[in-house]
Amino acid sequence: QCRLSVVSPLARARARRALSLCPSAWRIESRAMATPELRQIPREEVAKHCSADDCWLIISDRVYDVTDFLSEHPAGRGIIMMHAGKDCTQEFLEVHREDYIAAFAPKAFVGTVAGSGAAPPPPRPPGAGRVDFDSNSVLVLTRDVYAPEHEEFRAKCRAFLKKHVVPQYAKFEMKGMVDASVYAKMAEAGFYLTLSIPKEYGGLGHEDWRYNAIVCEELEDCDCGGFFANLGNDMVLSYFTKSCTPEQRAKWMPMLARGAVIAVAMSEPEVGSDLGKLSCRAERLPDGSGYVVSGRKMWISAGAQAELVVVACVTDPSLGAKGISLLVVEKGMEGYSCAKRFGKLGKHASDTCLLTLQNVRVPTCNLVGEEGKGFVYMMGHLPKERLSIAVGSVAAARRALALATNYVHGRAAFGGVVGSLQSVQMKLAQLRTEVQVCTTFVDRCIAEVSRGQLTTEGAAMAKYHATELSFSVADSCAQLFGGYGYLKNSPIGKLLVDQRVARVYGGSNEVQLEIVAKGLGFQPQCV
């Protein structure tokens, strides 16, 4: 063989002409030219790459950088992190062939262990396609709802989540809640509460809700959808910024600006979406100095950690919905407690609680806005809450579609890959179309709310459609993963169970359809 790469351009051209007369020799030379010198890496060097953002493995004396594959691994990132920086040949080959890495992480090969004499990695399966689809590249239409400054904010948010949340997320799921210190760091960085807190109170003062939407999307894209940061950002904070008096803001804003965990307590054991039928009572003290609150609140997210809870209660039972008021209950008030934390099918990083209030004395200065206006305030804030749920759900649908697309492009089966099957291609094409349509509608709603034009009906439509679709897409995509889709820590499996509840909270989807039907002139059936 002659090595064309070490001779002059003229000599190379002559050699090419000569080799053209012998095709077999040309093929041999081409292979020789295409084979690079393998990098020799000491084991001590591999051991240094053992973190979530820099993860190397040794398999059969070949070194792989699987950092970008961590969030794609169908059995969950934790199974890889157990072996980060180590030789996991035996453990890996008990489950997979080595070409599994080449199939799903084709750019992962770094080199060989120094002195091992190992050969290059095995080739990819026949027909294997690209495995770098993400939540944007699965779409057909370019999203135009965000401006460059929003994308800059997105990049910072993603970097924050990857540094402070993703590495600890498995721990948060086991604990059933995110550490309060993470909320504080997130507030300091401008991604929790402070992004919408007015500047005079130490926040960024964003009135543009697109920043809120980006936080929702990035949590889902980073596989941290159980971190319910949008509870504070989109469902509770506005009660303080829009419905409280200046004196109340001066009292509570410093707590919020440092990232205090906050919650809203509407539902009760016997009352879910029908908020006009609340039974939690708040009776005025004879001297008018405050209220005595008694009752129970059910399904309260972040209830175990919350420092401030906006509680919906009845101050005048004779007035029905017009007798509902909102009171801010502070952690440590006598008679207030988290009676029970519930185990859930999904959303494991978010605590969900039963709160009890037994003769809790709440001062009058903790009344949100005016007495008897609680129902009006709740209805006014619900559209943003429901849109927030829709934004997270359609982001989860895009993520599920990307995960499944990458998986079927690499999963060997029937002499090729799963993605070669027409039935799989048709299913993913259908899902892609539905996800695109939903994304476009939700993006329009994001633009509407940023202009202050989002209607109650529009928010209800978005919440209904996005949450129904996200569960359907996750279910269809989990099917394509086969057994891996049913593993507890698989990304697609967690998306599936996490998205099931989105059809329930924020007002069940049946209630959303009633709201939409009212716009057509219908009235709810009365029994």
Protein backbone atom coordinates (compact mmCIF):
# COMPACT_ATOMS: atom_id res chain seq x y z
CA GLN A 1 0.00 0.00 0.00
CA CYS A 2 1.06 3.57 -0.55
CA ARG A 3 0.07 6.21 1.99
CA LEU A 4 -1.30 9.08 -0.08
CA SER A 5 -1.58 11.32 2.96
CA VAL A 6 2.22 11.69 3.35
CA VAL A 7 3.17 12.61 -0.21
CA SER A 8 2.93 15.78 -2.24
CA PRO A 9 -0.33 16.78 -4.00
CA LEU A 10 1.21 16.01 -7.42
CA ALA A 11 2.40 12.58 -6.33
CA ARG A 12 -0.98 11.95 -4.75
CA ALA A 13 -2.76 12.74 -8.02
CA ARG A 14 -0.46 10.37 -9.93
CA ALA A 15 -1.04 7.65 -7.38
CA ARG A 16 -4.80 8.11 -7.64
CA ARG A 17 -4.59 7.62 -11.41
CA ALA A 18 -2.53 4.49 -10.92
CA LEU A 19 -4.90 3.13 -8.29
CA SER A 20 -7.87 3.77 -10.55
CA LEU A 21 -6.57 0.92 -12.67
CA CYS A 22 -6.88 -1.38 -9.63
CA PRO A 23 -10.19 -0.78 -7.80
CA SER A 24 -9.46 -3.38 -5.11
CA ALA A 25 -6.23 -1.64 -4.20
CA TRP A 26 -8.09 1.69 -4.10
CA ARG A 27 -10.62 0.27 -1.64
CA ILE A 28 -7.79 -1.00 0.55
CA GLU A 29 -6.05 2.38 0.42
CA SER A 30 -9.31 4.22 1.16
CA ARG A 31 -9.85 2.17 4.29
CA ALA A 32 -6.29 2.75 5.36
CA MET A 33 -6.63 6.48 4.88
CA ALA A 34 -9.95 6.59 6.78
CA THR A 35 -8.61 4.84 9.87
CA PRO A 36 -7.19 7.45 12.26
CA GLU A 37 -4.58 6.79 14.87
CA LEU A 38 -6.40 5.65 18.01
CA ARG A 39 -5.92 7.89 21.00
CA GLN A 40 -4.28 6.10 23.92
CA ILE A 41 -5.86 7.09 27.23
CA PRO A 42 -4.56 6.07 30.68
CA ARG A 43 -7.15 4.69 33.08
CA GLU A 44 -6.26 7.44 35.52
CA GLU A 45 -7.39 9.99 32.94
CA VAL A 46 -10.72 8.21 32.41
CA ALA A 47 -11.35 8.21 36.17
CA LYS A 48 -11.37 12.03 36.14
CA HIS A 49 -14.44 12.08 33.90
CA CYS A 50 -17.02 10.95 36.42
CA SER A 51 -19.66 13.68 36.66
CA ALA A 52 -23.06 14.21 35.08
CA ASP A 53 -21.67 16.84 32.73
CA ASP A 54 -18.49 14.90 31.91
CA CYS A 55 -19.07 11.16 31.92
CA TRP A 56 -16.71 8.58 30.39
CA LEU A 57 -16.93 4.78 30.48
CA ILE A 58 -14.57 1.92 29.61
CA ILE A 59 -16.06 -1.01 27.71
CA SER A 60 -13.76 -3.74 26.36
CA ASP A 61 -10.78 -1.37 26.74
CA ARG A 62 -12.49 1.22 24.59
CA VAL A 63 -13.26 4.62 26.10
CA TYR A 64 -16.59 6.33 25.45
CA ASP A 65 -17.76 9.83 26.35
CA VAL A 66 -21.47 9.24 27.04
CA THR A 67 -22.24 12.65 28.55
CA ASP A 68 -24.71 13.54 25.80
CA PHE A 69 -26.33 10.10 26.02
CA LEU A 70 -27.11 10.28 29.75
CA SER A 71 -30.55 11.82 29.31
CA GLU A 72 -31.35 9.49 26.39
CA HIS A 73 -30.52 6.17 28.03
CA PRO A 74 -33.81 4.25 28.13
CA ALA A 75 -33.10 2.75 31.54
CA GLY A 76 -32.37 6.13 33.12
CA ARG A 77 -29.25 8.22 33.63
CA GLY A 78 -28.59 6.74 37.07
CA ILE A 79 -27.58 3.36 35.67
CA ILE A 80 -24.76 5.00 33.71
CA MET A 81 -23.68 7.33 36.49
CA MET A 82 -23.03 4.28 38.70
CA HIS A 83 -20.08 3.47 36.41
CA ALA A 84 -18.89 6.95 35.47
CA GLY A 85 -15.11 7.03 35.04
CA LYS A 86 -14.84 3.26 35.49
CA ASP A 87 -14.49 0.05 33.54
CA CYS A 88 -18.00 -1.39 33.30
CA THR A 89 -17.32 -4.07 30.67
CA GLN A 90 -18.78 -6.96 32.62
CA GLU A 91 -21.89 -5.10 33.77
CA PHE A 92 -22.52 -3.63 30.32
CA LEU A 93 -22.06 -6.84 28.35
CA GLU A 94 -24.40 -8.70 30.69
CA VAL A 95 -27.19 -6.54 29.24
CA HIS A 96 -26.04 -5.20 25.85
CA ARG A 97 -23.76 -5.86 22.94
CA GLU A 98 -21.10 -3.20 22.57
CA ASP A 99 -22.59 -1.96 19.31
CA TYR A 100 -25.40 -0.56 21.49
CA ILE A 101 -23.16 2.43 22.23
CA ALA A 102 -22.31 2.88 18.56
CA ALA A 103 -26.02 2.74 17.72
CA PHE A 104 -27.21 5.40 20.14
CA ALA A 105 -24.08 7.47 20.74
CA PRO A 106 -22.16 7.24 17.46
CA LYS A 107 -19.81 10.10 18.39
CA ALA A 108 -19.02 8.79 21.86
CA PHE A 109 -15.83 6.84 21.08
CA VAL A 110 -12.81 8.73 22.48
CA GLY A 111 -9.97 6.22 22.22
CA THR A 112 -8.61 3.06 23.75
CA VAL A 113 -7.09 2.30 27.13
CA ALA A 114 -3.35 2.94 26.93
CA GLY A 115 -1.41 -0.25 26.22
CA SER A 116 -4.50 -2.39 25.69
CA GLY A 117 -4.14 -2.79 21.93
CA ALA A 118 -7.93 -2.61 21.58
CA ALA A 119 -9.41 -2.21 18.12
CA PRO A 120 -11.86 0.51 17.05
CA PRO A 121 -15.48 0.09 18.19
CA PRO A 122 -17.97 -2.08 16.29
CA PRO A 123 -20.02 -0.47 13.51
CA ARG A 124 -23.56 0.80 13.87
CA PRO A 125 -26.47 -1.53 13.02
CA PRO A 126 -27.51 -1.61 9.36
CA GLY A 127 -29.93 1.19 8.58
CA ALA A 128 -29.20 3.15 11.77
CA GLY A 129 -30.13 6.82 11.37
CA ARG A 130 -29.42 10.08 13.16
CA VAL A 131 -29.99 10.03 16.90
CA ASP A 132 -29.61 13.71 17.71
CA PHE A 133 -33.22 14.85 17.43
CA ASP A 134 -34.36 17.25 20.14
CA SER A 135 -37.52 19.13 21.02
CA ASN A 136 -36.91 21.69 18.29
CA SER A 137 -35.74 19.49 15.44
CA VAL A 138 -38.81 17.23 15.64
CA LEU A 139 -40.92 20.23 14.60
CA VAL A 140 -41.50 21.31 11.00
CA LEU A 141 -42.28 24.97 11.57
CA THR A 142 -39.80 27.36 13.15
CA ARG A 143 -41.19 28.74 16.39
CA ASP A 144 -41.39 32.52 16.19
CA VAL A 145 -42.94 33.34 19.54
CA TYR A 146 -39.57 34.01 21.17
CA ALA A 147 -37.13 36.83 20.42
CA PRO A 148 -33.30 36.65 20.73
CA GLU A 149 -33.41 37.96 24.30
CA HIS A 150 -35.74 35.10 25.24
CA GLU A 151 -33.39 32.53 23.72
CA GLU A 152 -30.51 34.06 25.66
CA PHE A 153 -32.59 33.66 28.82
CA ARG A 154 -33.35 30.05 27.81
CA ALA A 155 -29.65 29.23 27.45
CA LYS A 156 -28.94 30.59 30.92
CA CYS A 157 -31.90 28.72 32.39
CA ARG A 158 -30.77 25.45 30.84
CA ALA A 159 -27.23 25.93 32.10
CA PHE A 160 -28.57 26.58 35.60
CA LEU A 161 -30.76 23.47 35.58
CA LYS A 162 -27.95 21.27 34.30
CA LYS A 163 -25.65 22.50 37.05
CA HIS A 164 -27.95 22.75 40.06
CA VAL A 165 -30.95 20.51 39.40
CA VAL A 166 -30.22 17.68 36.97
CA PRO A 167 -27.34 16.12 38.97
CA GLN A 168 -29.50 16.02 42.11
CA TYR A 169 -32.85 15.27 40.53
CA ALA A 170 -32.87 11.56 41.39
CA LYS A 171 -32.27 12.50 45.03
CA PHE A 172 -35.16 14.97 44.92
CA GLU A 173 -37.43 12.26 43.55
CA MET A 174 -36.46 9.91 46.37
CA LYS A 175 -37.06 12.63 48.98
CA GLY A 176 -40.34 13.64 47.36
CA MET A 177 -39.37 17.31 47.18
CA VAL A 178 -36.73 19.69 45.86
CA ASP A 179 -34.40 21.18 48.46
CA ALA A 180 -35.35 24.69 49.57
CA SER A 181 -31.77 25.76 48.83
CA VAL A 182 -32.35 25.05 45.13
CA TYR A 183 -35.40 27.34 45.10
CA ALA A 184 -33.23 30.03 46.68
CA LYS A 185 -30.48 29.60 44.09
CA MET A 186 -33.05 29.62 41.33
CA ALA A 187 -34.53 32.87 42.63
CA GLU A 188 -31.08 34.44 42.87
CA ALA A 189 -30.41 33.46 39.25
CA GLY A 190 -33.74 34.92 38.12
CA PHE A 191 -35.67 31.77 37.23
CA TYR A 192 -37.97 31.35 40.25
CA LEU A 193 -40.28 34.15 41.43
CA THR A 194 -37.77 36.94 40.87
CA LEU A 195 -38.31 36.94 37.12
CA SER A 196 -41.78 38.48 37.72
CA ILE A 197 -41.24 40.32 41.00
CA PRO A 198 -41.14 44.10 40.41
CA LYS A 199 -37.68 45.67 40.39
CA GLU A 200 -38.45 47.84 43.40
CA TYR A 201 -38.77 44.64 45.45
CA GLY A 202 -35.56 43.06 44.18
CA GLY A 203 -36.87 41.19 41.14
CA LEU A 204 -36.28 41.40 37.40
CA GLY A 205 -39.71 42.89 36.79
CA HIS A 206 -40.55 40.91 33.65
CA GLU A 207 -44.12 41.57 32.54
CA ASP A 208 -43.49 39.43 29.47
CA TRP A 209 -44.87 35.98 30.30
CA ARG A 210 -42.69 34.35 27.65
CA TYR A 211 -39.90 34.19 30.21
CA ASN A 212 -42.17 32.12 32.46
CA ALA A 213 -42.98 29.82 29.57
CA ILE A 214 -39.29 29.20 28.92
CA VAL A 215 -38.76 27.97 32.49
CA CYS A 216 -41.65 25.50 32.03
CA GLU A 217 -40.22 24.23 28.76
CA GLU A 218 -36.67 23.85 30.00
CA LEU A 219 -37.70 21.87 33.07
CA GLU A 220 -39.39 19.35 30.78
CA ASP A 221 -36.53 19.34 28.28
CA CYS A 222 -34.06 18.59 31.07
CA ASP A 223 -36.22 15.69 32.29
CA CYS A 224 -37.04 17.57 35.50
CA GLY A 225 -40.79 17.93 34.94
CA GLY A 226 -41.54 16.88 38.50
CA PHE A 227 -39.85 20.04 39.79
CA PHE A 228 -42.95 22.20 40.10
CA ALA A 229 -41.23 25.61 39.86
CA ASN A 230 -44.08 26.98 37.76
CA LEU A 231 -46.36 26.53 40.78
CA GLY A 232 -44.71 29.57 42.33
CA ASN A 233 -44.00 31.40 39.08
CA ASP A 234 -47.41 31.04 37.43
CA MET A 235 -49.96 29.91 39.99
CA VAL A 236 -49.21 31.66 43.27
CA LEU A 237 -46.96 34.70 42.78
CA SER A 238 -49.58 36.76 40.96
CA TYR A 239 -51.76 36.80 44.08
CA PHE A 240 -48.97 38.73 45.78
CA THR A 241 -48.02 40.97 42.84
CA LYS A 242 -51.54 41.72 41.55
CA SER A 243 -54.03 41.29 44.40
CA CYS A 244 -52.14 42.37 47.53
CA THR A 245 -51.92 45.87 48.96
CA PRO A 246 -48.66 47.87 48.92
CA GLU A 247 -48.29 47.23 52.65
CA GLN A 248 -48.62 43.49 52.12
CA ARG A 249 -46.11 43.53 49.29
CA ALA A 250 -43.63 45.37 51.47
CA LYS A 251 -44.08 42.64 54.08
CA TRP A 252 -43.86 39.55 51.88
CA MET A 253 -41.80 40.52 48.83
CA PRO A 254 -38.43 40.20 50.62
CA MET A 255 -39.32 36.57 51.43
CA LEU A 256 -40.38 35.91 47.86
CA ALA A 257 -37.30 37.60 46.39
CA ARG A 258 -35.03 35.23 48.31
CA GLY A 259 -36.92 32.25 46.84
CA ALA A 260 -39.36 31.23 49.56
CA VAL A 261 -41.42 28.18 48.64
CA ILE A 262 -45.07 29.22 48.24
CA ALA A 263 -48.31 27.38 47.61
CA VAL A 264 -52.01 27.92 46.99
CA ALA A 265 -54.65 25.84 48.77
CA MET A 266 -57.97 25.60 46.95
CA SER A 267 -59.08 21.95 46.73
CA GLU A 268 -60.52 20.05 49.69
CA PRO A 269 -61.14 16.34 50.35
CA GLU A 270 -64.73 16.73 49.15
CA VAL A 271 -64.23 19.61 46.71
CA GLY A 272 -61.99 19.53 43.63
CA SER A 273 -62.76 21.56 40.53
CA ASP A 274 -66.04 22.95 41.93
CA LEU A 275 -64.43 25.77 43.90
CA GLY A 276 -67.75 27.43 44.65
CA LYS A 277 -68.54 24.67 47.15
CA LEU A 278 -65.65 25.14 49.59
CA SER A 279 -66.18 24.30 53.25
CA CYS A 280 -63.01 25.66 54.90
CA ARG A 281 -64.32 28.41 57.18
CA ALA A 282 -62.77 31.70 58.28
CA GLU A 283 -64.75 33.41 61.02
CA ARG A 284 -63.99 36.99 61.99
CA LEU A 285 -62.81 37.65 65.51
CA PRO A 286 -65.21 39.85 67.51
CA ASP A 287 -62.66 42.65 67.71
CA GLY A 288 -62.09 42.56 63.94
CA SER A 289 -58.36 41.90 64.33
CA GLY A 290 -58.38 38.77 62.24
CA TYR A 291 -59.95 35.43 61.42
CA VAL A 292 -60.09 31.97 62.91
CA VAL A 293 -59.63 29.45 60.09
CA SER A 294 -60.66 25.80 60.30
CA GLY A 295 -60.76 23.17 57.59
CA ARG A 296 -58.72 20.82 55.44
CA LYS A 297 -57.01 21.36 52.11
CA MET A 298 -56.23 18.44 49.81
CA TRP A 299 -53.75 17.82 46.96
CA ILE A 300 -51.66 20.86 47.89
CA SER A 301 -48.40 20.94 45.95
CA ALA A 302 -45.38 22.14 47.94
CA GLY A 303 -47.55 22.18 51.07
CA ALA A 304 -44.92 20.52 53.26
CA GLN A 305 -42.28 23.15 52.47
CA ALA A 306 -44.30 26.29 51.81
CA GLU A 307 -43.52 29.32 53.95
CA LEU A 308 -46.61 31.15 52.66
CA VAL A 309 -49.86 29.50 51.56
CA VAL A 310 -52.72 31.37 49.92
CA VAL A 311 -55.78 29.64 51.40
CA ALA A 312 -59.24 29.86 49.86
CA CYS A 313 -61.87 29.86 52.60
CA VAL A 314 -65.48 30.83 53.21
CA THR A 315 -65.98 34.07 55.14
CA ASP A 316 -69.75 34.33 54.48
CA PRO A 317 -71.50 31.00 53.73
CA SER A 318 -74.76 32.76 52.88
CA LEU A 319 -73.28 34.31 49.74
CA GLY A 320 -72.01 31.17 48.00
CA ALA A 321 -69.06 31.90 45.71
CA LYS A 322 -69.28 35.59 46.63
CA GLY A 323 -68.53 34.67 50.23
CA ILE A 324 -65.10 33.20 49.46
CA SER A 325 -61.96 35.08 50.55
CA LEU A 326 -58.24 34.46 50.35
CA LEU A 327 -56.00 34.51 53.41
CA VAL A 328 -52.23 34.09 53.54
CA VAL A 329 -51.34 31.48 56.15
CA GLU A 330 -47.72 31.57 57.27
CA LYS A 331 -45.65 28.57 58.23
CA GLY A 332 -45.48 28.25 61.99
CA MET A 333 -48.93 29.66 62.73
CA GLU A 334 -50.44 27.67 65.58
CA GLY A 335 -52.97 25.09 64.39
CA TYR A 336 -51.60 24.91 60.84
CA SER A 337 -49.86 21.70 59.80
CA CYS A 338 -49.11 19.30 56.99
CA ALA A 339 -51.08 16.26 58.12
CA LYS A 340 -50.01 13.88 55.36
CA ARG A 341 -47.77 13.65 52.32
CA PHE A 342 -49.14 11.50 49.53
CA GLY A 343 -47.27 8.97 47.43
CA LYS A 344 -48.09 9.50 43.77
CA LEU A 345 -47.77 7.66 40.47
CA GLY A 346 -45.63 10.47 39.05
CA LYS A 347 -44.26 13.96 39.74
CA HIS A 348 -42.11 12.41 42.46
CA ALA A 349 -39.95 15.49 43.01
CA SER A 350 -43.00 17.50 44.10
CA ASP A 351 -44.59 17.00 47.51
CA THR A 352 -48.39 16.81 47.53
CA CYS A 353 -50.10 17.16 50.87
CA LEU A 354 -53.17 17.25 53.05
CA LEU A 355 -53.09 20.46 55.09
CA THR A 356 -55.10 20.90 58.26
CA LEU A 357 -56.12 24.19 59.82
CA GLN A 358 -57.46 23.94 63.34
CA ASN A 359 -58.53 27.29 64.75
CA VAL A 360 -55.64 29.08 63.05
CA ARG A 361 -55.63 32.77 63.95
CA VAL A 362 -54.82 34.80 60.85
CA PRO A 363 -54.53 38.59 61.20
CA THR A 364 -56.69 40.86 59.03
CA CYS A 365 -53.57 42.20 57.36
CA ASN A 366 -53.16 38.74 55.76
CA LEU A 367 -56.42 39.10 53.82
CA VAL A 368 -55.63 39.15 50.09
CA GLY A 369 -57.40 42.10 48.51
CA GLU A 370 -61.03 42.48 49.60
CA GLU A 371 -63.16 40.11 51.62
CA GLY A 372 -65.56 38.15 49.43
CA LYS A 373 -63.48 38.63 46.26
CA GLY A 374 -61.54 35.37 46.57
CA PHE A 375 -63.47 33.54 43.87
CA VAL A 376 -63.04 36.46 41.48
CA TYR A 377 -59.29 36.55 42.15
CA MET A 378 -58.95 32.79 41.60
CA MET A 379 -60.86 32.90 38.33
CA GLY A 380 -58.74 35.83 37.18
CA HIS A 381 -55.47 34.03 37.84
CA LEU A 382 -56.50 30.59 36.52
CA PRO A 383 -55.98 31.31 32.78
CA LYS A 384 -52.23 31.81 33.27
CA GLU A 385 -52.10 28.75 35.51
CA ARG A 386 -53.79 26.64 32.87
CA LEU A 387 -51.60 27.98 30.09
CA SER A 388 -48.55 27.17 32.21
CA ILE A 389 -49.74 23.57 32.44
CA ALA A 390 -50.32 23.52 28.68
CA VAL A 391 -46.83 24.86 27.97
CA GLY A 392 -45.21 22.18 30.13
CA SER A 393 -47.36 19.45 28.64
CA VAL A 394 -46.68 20.22 24.99
CA ALA A 395 -42.96 20.54 25.86
CA ALA A 396 -43.19 17.05 27.35
CA ALA A 397 -44.84 15.81 24.15
CA ARG A 398 -41.99 17.22 22.06
CA ARG A 399 -39.47 15.62 24.38
CA ALA A 400 -41.24 12.25 24.18
CA LEU A 401 -41.29 12.42 20.39
CA ALA A 402 -37.58 13.24 20.25
CA LEU A 403 -36.70 10.39 22.62
CA ALA A 404 -38.69 7.86 20.61
CA THR A 405 -37.35 9.06 17.27
CA ASN A 406 -33.76 8.70 18.43
CA TYR A 407 -34.47 5.30 19.93
CA VAL A 408 -36.04 3.73 16.84
CA HIS A 409 -33.19 5.07 14.68
CA GLY A 410 -30.69 3.08 16.74
CA ARG A 411 -32.57 0.04 18.07
CA ALA A 412 -31.50 -3.01 16.09
CA ALA A 413 -34.27 -5.39 15.05
CA PHE A 414 -35.15 -7.70 12.13
CA GLY A 415 -31.86 -7.17 10.37
CA GLY A 416 -32.13 -3.39 10.53
CA VAL A 417 -33.51 -0.93 13.05
CA VAL A 418 -37.02 -0.49 14.47
CA GLY A 419 -37.33 2.78 12.58
CA SER A 420 -37.14 0.88 9.28
CA LEU A 421 -40.61 -0.54 9.89
CA GLN A 422 -43.32 1.34 8.02
CA SER A 423 -45.77 1.05 10.90
CA VAL A 424 -43.30 2.84 13.17
CA GLN A 425 -42.65 5.55 10.62
CA MET A 426 -46.37 6.17 10.13
CA LYS A 427 -46.99 6.38 13.87
CA LEU A 428 -44.18 8.87 14.41
CA ALA A 429 -45.33 10.94 11.44
CA GLN A 430 -48.82 11.10 12.95
CA LEU A 431 -47.45 12.09 16.36
CA ARG A 432 -45.17 14.67 14.80
CA THR A 433 -48.10 16.31 13.03
CA GLU A 434 -50.21 16.41 16.20
CA VAL A 435 -47.34 17.79 18.28
CA GLN A 436 -46.66 20.48 15.69
CA VAL A 437 -50.30 21.59 15.58
CA CYS A 438 -50.51 21.72 19.38
CA THR A 439 -47.21 23.61 19.64
CA THR A 440 -48.42 26.21 17.17
CA PHE A 441 -51.66 26.75 19.07
CA VAL A 442 -49.97 26.96 22.47
CA ASP A 443 -47.38 29.37 21.06
CA ARG A 444 -50.22 31.60 19.88
CA CYS A 445 -51.66 31.52 23.41
CA ILE A 446 -48.23 32.44 24.83
CA ALA A 447 -48.17 35.45 22.53
CA GLU A 448 -51.73 36.34 23.55
CA VAL A 449 -51.04 36.23 27.28
CA SER A 450 -47.88 38.31 26.79
CA ARG A 451 -50.08 40.97 25.18
CA GLY A 452 -52.71 40.66 27.93
CA GLN A 453 -55.24 39.23 25.49
CA LEU A 454 -55.55 35.57 26.52
CA THR A 455 -59.18 34.60 27.13
CA THR A 456 -60.47 32.09 29.66
CA GLU A 457 -61.70 29.94 26.77
CA GLY A 458 -58.34 30.05 25.00
CA ALA A 459 -56.52 28.95 28.15
CA ALA A 460 -59.05 26.16 28.70
CA MET A 461 -58.60 24.93 25.13
CA ALA A 462 -54.82 24.97 25.46
CA LYS A 463 -54.87 23.15 28.78
CA TYR A 464 -57.30 20.51 27.56
CA HIS A 465 -55.66 19.83 24.21
CA ALA A 466 -52.02 19.91 25.35
CA THR A 467 -52.54 17.65 28.36
CA GLU A 468 -54.60 15.10 26.45
CA LEU A 469 -52.01 15.07 23.68
CA SER A 470 -48.98 14.84 25.96
CA PHE A 471 -50.28 11.71 27.66
CA SER A 472 -51.28 10.15 24.34
CA VAL A 473 -47.89 10.90 22.77
CA ALA A 474 -45.98 9.61 25.80
CA ASP A 475 -48.05 6.42 25.76
CA SER A 476 -47.46 5.81 22.04
CA CYS A 477 -43.75 6.56 22.38
CA ALA A 478 -43.39 4.28 25.40
CA GLN A 479 -44.78 1.47 23.24
CA LEU A 480 -41.91 1.95 20.78
CA PHE A 481 -39.39 1.46 23.60
CA GLY A 482 -40.78 -1.97 24.40
CA GLY A 483 -39.75 -3.19 27.85
CA TYR A 484 -37.42 -0.24 28.37
CA GLY A 485 -40.43 2.07 28.26
CA TYR A 486 -41.82 0.40 31.36
CA LEU A 487 -38.73 0.78 33.51
CA LYS A 488 -39.22 3.00 36.55
CA ASN A 489 -36.42 5.45 35.78
CA SER A 490 -36.63 5.50 32.00
CA PRO A 491 -37.11 9.05 30.65
CA ILE A 492 -40.10 8.02 28.55
CA GLY A 493 -41.67 6.07 31.42
CA LYS A 494 -41.38 9.06 33.74
CA LEU A 495 -42.91 11.32 31.11
CA LEU A 496 -45.84 8.95 30.83
CA VAL A 497 -46.70 8.89 34.54
CA ASP A 498 -45.91 12.57 35.04
CA GLN A 499 -48.24 13.65 32.26
CA ARG A 500 -51.20 11.65 33.50
CA VAL A 501 -51.97 14.07 36.31
CA ALA A 502 -51.84 17.11 34.03
CA ARG A 503 -55.33 16.20 32.81
CA VAL A 504 -56.57 16.56 36.39
CA TYR A 505 -54.90 19.46 38.16
CA GLY A 506 -55.54 23.09 37.31
CA GLY A 507 -59.18 22.12 36.82
CA SER A 508 -60.00 18.73 35.30
CA ASN A 509 -60.23 18.55 31.53
CA GLU A 510 -63.96 17.98 31.76
CA VAL A 511 -64.24 21.41 33.38
CA GLN A 512 -62.11 22.89 30.59
CA LEU A 513 -64.53 21.50 28.02
CA GLU A 514 -67.46 23.04 29.90
CA ILE A 515 -65.72 26.42 29.72
CA VAL A 516 -65.19 26.00 25.99
CA ALA A 517 -68.82 24.90 25.51
CA LYS A 518 -70.07 28.05 27.27
CA GLY A 519 -68.55 30.06 24.44
CA LEU A 520 -70.94 28.28 22.11
CA GLY A 521 -73.93 29.40 24.15
CA PHE A 522 -74.36 26.24 26.24
CA GLN A 523 -74.92 26.13 29.99
CA PRO A 524 -73.69 23.36 32.30
CA GLN A 525 -76.28 20.72 33.07
CA CYS A 526 -77.95 21.29 36.45
CA VAL A 527 -78.89 18.25 38.51
